[in-house]
Protein backbone atom coordinates (compact mmCIF):
# COMPACT_ATOMS: atom_id res chain seq x y z
CA MET A 1 71.21 112.39 84.51
CA GLY A 2 74.48 112.76 86.38
CA LYS A 3 77.83 111.09 85.78
CA ILE A 4 78.28 107.33 85.95
CA TYR A 5 81.06 105.97 88.12
CA GLY A 6 82.43 102.50 88.77
CA TYR A 7 84.33 101.18 91.76
CA VAL A 8 86.60 98.12 91.51
CA ARG A 9 88.52 96.52 94.36
CA VAL A 10 90.87 93.56 94.48
CA SER A 11 92.54 92.44 97.69
CA SER A 12 96.08 92.13 96.38
CA ALA A 13 98.28 92.34 93.32
CA ASP A 14 97.71 88.60 92.85
CA GLN A 15 94.00 89.05 92.15
CA ASN A 16 92.71 89.90 88.72
CA GLU A 17 90.29 92.78 88.24
CA HIS A 18 89.26 91.62 84.73
CA ARG A 19 85.81 90.32 85.72
CA GLN A 20 84.90 93.55 87.50
CA MET A 21 86.24 95.71 84.67
CA LEU A 22 84.23 93.67 82.16
CA ALA A 23 81.08 94.29 84.23
CA MET A 24 81.82 98.04 84.16
CA GLU A 25 82.31 97.93 80.41
CA GLU A 26 78.94 96.22 79.98
CA LYS A 27 77.36 99.06 81.97
CA LYS A 28 79.03 101.62 79.67
CA VAL A 29 81.09 103.17 82.47
CA ASP A 30 83.79 105.46 81.06
CA LYS A 31 87.25 104.16 82.02
CA LYS A 32 88.14 107.64 83.29
CA CYS A 33 85.33 107.31 85.84
CA ILE A 34 86.39 103.90 87.19
CA TYR A 35 88.27 103.98 90.49
CA MET A 36 90.23 100.90 91.52
CA ASP A 37 91.99 99.95 94.76
CA ARG A 38 94.28 96.99 95.32
CA GLN A 39 93.62 96.76 99.00
CA SER A 40 91.81 94.81 101.70
CA GLY A 41 88.12 95.51 102.23
CA LYS A 42 88.46 95.63 106.02
CA ASP A 43 87.90 99.41 106.03
CA PHE A 44 87.36 102.35 103.68
CA GLN A 45 90.73 104.06 104.11
CA ARG A 46 91.55 103.40 100.45
CA PRO A 47 93.01 106.17 98.28
CA GLN A 48 90.94 105.65 95.14
CA TYR A 49 87.72 105.12 97.04
CA ARG A 50 88.29 108.36 98.98
CA ARG A 51 88.99 110.22 95.72
CA MET A 52 85.78 108.87 94.22
CA VAL A 53 83.69 109.97 97.21
CA GLU A 54 85.12 113.48 96.83
CA GLU A 55 84.14 113.55 93.14
CA ILE A 56 80.69 111.98 93.21
CA GLN A 57 77.71 114.32 93.44
CA ALA A 58 73.94 114.26 93.82
CA GLY A 59 72.28 112.57 90.85
CA ASP A 60 75.39 110.55 89.93
CA LEU A 61 75.30 106.76 89.70
CA LEU A 62 77.87 104.36 91.16
CA TYR A 63 78.26 100.77 89.95
CA VAL A 64 79.96 98.05 92.01
CA SER A 65 80.03 94.46 90.85
CA SER A 66 79.15 92.98 94.26
CA ILE A 67 78.73 94.20 97.83
CA ASP A 68 81.98 92.61 99.02
CA ARG A 69 83.90 94.68 96.44
CA LEU A 70 82.59 97.76 98.21
CA GLY A 71 83.82 96.44 101.56
CA ARG A 72 83.78 93.66 104.12
CA ASN A 73 83.08 95.54 107.33
CA TYR A 74 79.37 95.34 108.24
CA GLU A 75 79.07 98.68 110.04
CA GLU A 76 81.26 100.61 107.63
CA ILE A 77 79.37 99.35 104.57
CA GLN A 78 76.19 100.67 106.18
CA ASP A 79 77.85 104.03 106.91
CA GLN A 80 79.29 104.45 103.43
CA TRP A 81 75.99 103.46 101.81
CA ARG A 82 74.26 106.17 103.87
CA ILE A 83 76.92 108.77 102.99
CA LEU A 84 76.65 108.07 99.28
CA THR A 85 72.88 107.76 99.00
CA LYS A 86 71.56 110.01 101.76
CA ASP A 87 74.25 112.63 102.46
CA ILE A 88 75.50 113.04 98.89
CA GLY A 89 72.33 111.98 97.09
CA ALA A 90 73.91 109.61 94.57
CA ASP A 91 72.49 106.27 93.45
CA ILE A 92 74.22 102.90 93.84
CA CYS A 93 73.71 99.79 91.75
CA VAL A 94 75.20 96.48 92.91
CA ILE A 95 75.40 94.64 89.61
CA ASP A 96 75.05 91.06 90.86
CA MET A 97 72.17 91.96 93.21
CA PRO A 98 69.35 93.79 91.34
CA LEU A 99 67.48 94.50 94.60
CA LEU A 100 70.38 96.75 95.58
CA ASP A 101 69.72 99.40 92.96
CA THR A 102 68.61 102.62 94.61
CA ARG A 103 67.13 103.89 91.33
CA ASN A 104 64.32 101.37 91.74
CA GLY A 105 61.67 101.30 94.40
CA LYS A 106 62.16 104.72 95.93
CA ASP A 107 58.85 104.33 97.78
CA LEU A 108 58.76 103.17 101.41
CA MET A 109 58.49 99.45 100.59
CA GLY A 110 61.29 99.56 98.01
CA THR A 111 63.58 101.40 100.42
CA PHE A 112 62.77 98.94 103.20
CA ILE A 113 63.57 95.93 100.98
CA ALA A 114 66.84 97.47 99.73
CA ASP A 115 67.93 98.34 103.29
CA LEU A 116 67.10 94.84 104.49
CA VAL A 117 69.02 93.16 101.65
CA LEU A 118 71.97 95.50 102.26
CA GLN A 119 72.09 94.58 105.95
CA ILE A 120 72.00 90.87 105.15
CA LEU A 121 74.66 91.04 102.45
CA SER A 122 77.01 93.30 104.40
CA PHE A 123 76.65 90.94 107.38
CA VAL A 124 77.55 88.02 105.11
CA ALA A 125 80.56 89.93 103.72
CA GLN A 126 81.94 90.58 107.22
CA SER A 127 81.21 87.01 108.33
CA GLU A 128 83.20 85.69 105.38
CA ARG A 129 86.09 88.01 106.25
CA GLU A 130 86.08 86.74 109.85
CA ASN A 131 85.88 83.14 108.62
CA ILE A 132 88.94 83.75 106.42
CA ARG A 133 90.87 85.07 109.43
CA THR A 134 89.79 82.05 111.49
CA ARG A 135 90.93 79.65 108.77
CA GLN A 136 94.26 81.48 108.51
CA ARG A 137 94.81 81.18 112.27
CA GLN A 138 93.88 77.50 112.20
CA GLY A 139 96.28 76.95 109.29
CA ILE A 140 99.12 78.64 111.17
CA VAL A 141 98.49 76.55 114.30
CA ALA A 142 98.35 73.35 112.24
CA ALA A 143 101.60 74.28 110.50
CA MET A 144 103.30 75.01 113.83
CA VAL A 145 102.19 71.60 115.12
CA ARG A 146 103.84 70.06 112.05
CA GLY A 147 107.04 71.92 112.92
CA VAL A 148 106.85 74.63 110.26
CA LYS A 149 108.87 77.68 111.28
CA PHE A 150 107.57 81.19 110.59
CA GLY A 151 109.56 84.38 110.17
CA ARG A 152 113.14 84.78 109.03
CA PRO A 153 115.43 81.84 109.81
CA THR A 154 117.87 82.31 112.68
CA ALA A 155 121.30 83.26 111.35
CA GLU A 156 123.83 80.51 112.01
CA VAL A 157 127.03 81.64 113.72
CA PRO A 158 130.31 80.30 112.30
CA ASP A 159 132.23 77.59 114.14
CA ASN A 160 134.97 80.08 115.05
CA PHE A 161 132.51 82.67 116.45
CA GLN A 162 133.86 82.29 120.00
CA ASP A 163 137.47 82.69 118.77
CA LEU A 164 136.50 85.87 116.90
CA VAL A 165 134.75 87.28 119.97
CA SER A 166 137.78 86.44 122.16
CA ALA A 167 140.18 88.02 119.67
CA TRP A 168 138.09 91.18 119.60
CA GLU A 169 137.72 91.38 123.39
CA CYS A 170 141.49 90.87 123.84
CA GLY A 171 142.17 93.72 121.42
CA GLU A 172 143.78 91.49 118.80
CA ILE A 173 141.30 92.54 116.09
CA PRO A 174 138.83 95.44 115.85
CA VAL A 175 135.14 94.69 116.21
CA ARG A 176 134.53 95.55 112.54
CA GLU A 177 136.92 92.81 111.49
CA ALA A 178 135.30 90.32 113.89
CA ILE A 179 131.90 91.11 112.40
CA HIS A 180 133.25 90.85 108.84
CA LEU A 181 134.96 87.53 109.49
CA SER A 182 131.81 86.13 111.13
CA GLY A 183 129.82 86.71 107.95
CA LEU A 184 126.98 88.22 109.99
CA SER A 185 125.40 91.65 109.85
CA GLU A 186 126.33 94.00 112.70
CA SER A 187 122.90 93.75 114.35
CA THR A 188 122.89 89.95 114.03
CA PHE A 189 126.45 89.71 115.40
CA TYR A 190 125.53 91.60 118.57
CA ARG A 191 122.18 89.84 118.93
CA ARG A 192 123.72 86.38 118.67
CA LEU A 193 126.48 87.50 121.05
CA ARG A 194 123.90 88.50 123.67
CA GLU A 195 121.90 85.31 123.16
CA MET A 196 124.91 83.05 123.50
CA ARG A 197 126.13 84.85 126.61
CA THR A 198 122.70 84.63 128.19
CA GLN A 199 122.55 80.91 127.43
CA GLY A 200 126.09 80.35 128.70
CA GLU A 201 127.37 79.21 125.32
CA LEU A 202 130.38 81.58 125.45
CA TYR A 203 133.17 81.33 128.01
């Protein structure tokens, strides 16, 4: 019997890994053998996952709580499953889906069923990811229709901005002083200057 590993993934710092860690504890996975990424499942360029793949060997066992914790990209889930089980020779157990346990049913029928379930679940994982993106886009469009502004707010120029620009251009004050008195950053000062000249707001 080889080593037992666990892989845990949460999408952001706002998500809690407690449920997945509890599942690993129930499977008696040593904490030193649990690899966790706080990253999107859109691909497998995750530091802890890559480290785990380098460590895992033939005869080892990898636990993941569910297929979407492994990833959310249909093709890449298939590729990584093949790398782990075929190229490396490790076993994988998806805890919430007993059919996805490569220790069971190593005959032709068992392999066929596991491969079929994997294809279905990885397809569902990617579909959900695409649905999330669609809902996000729809939410942004709806917010824009309501007049919600995205990005940093446009810096307001002071009422005496034109006087400051004129004083600078006439040589009465240096540009640094004009910028300081405007209360704007240097980049914002020049950007607003260009915008206002383009729009004919300065004379």
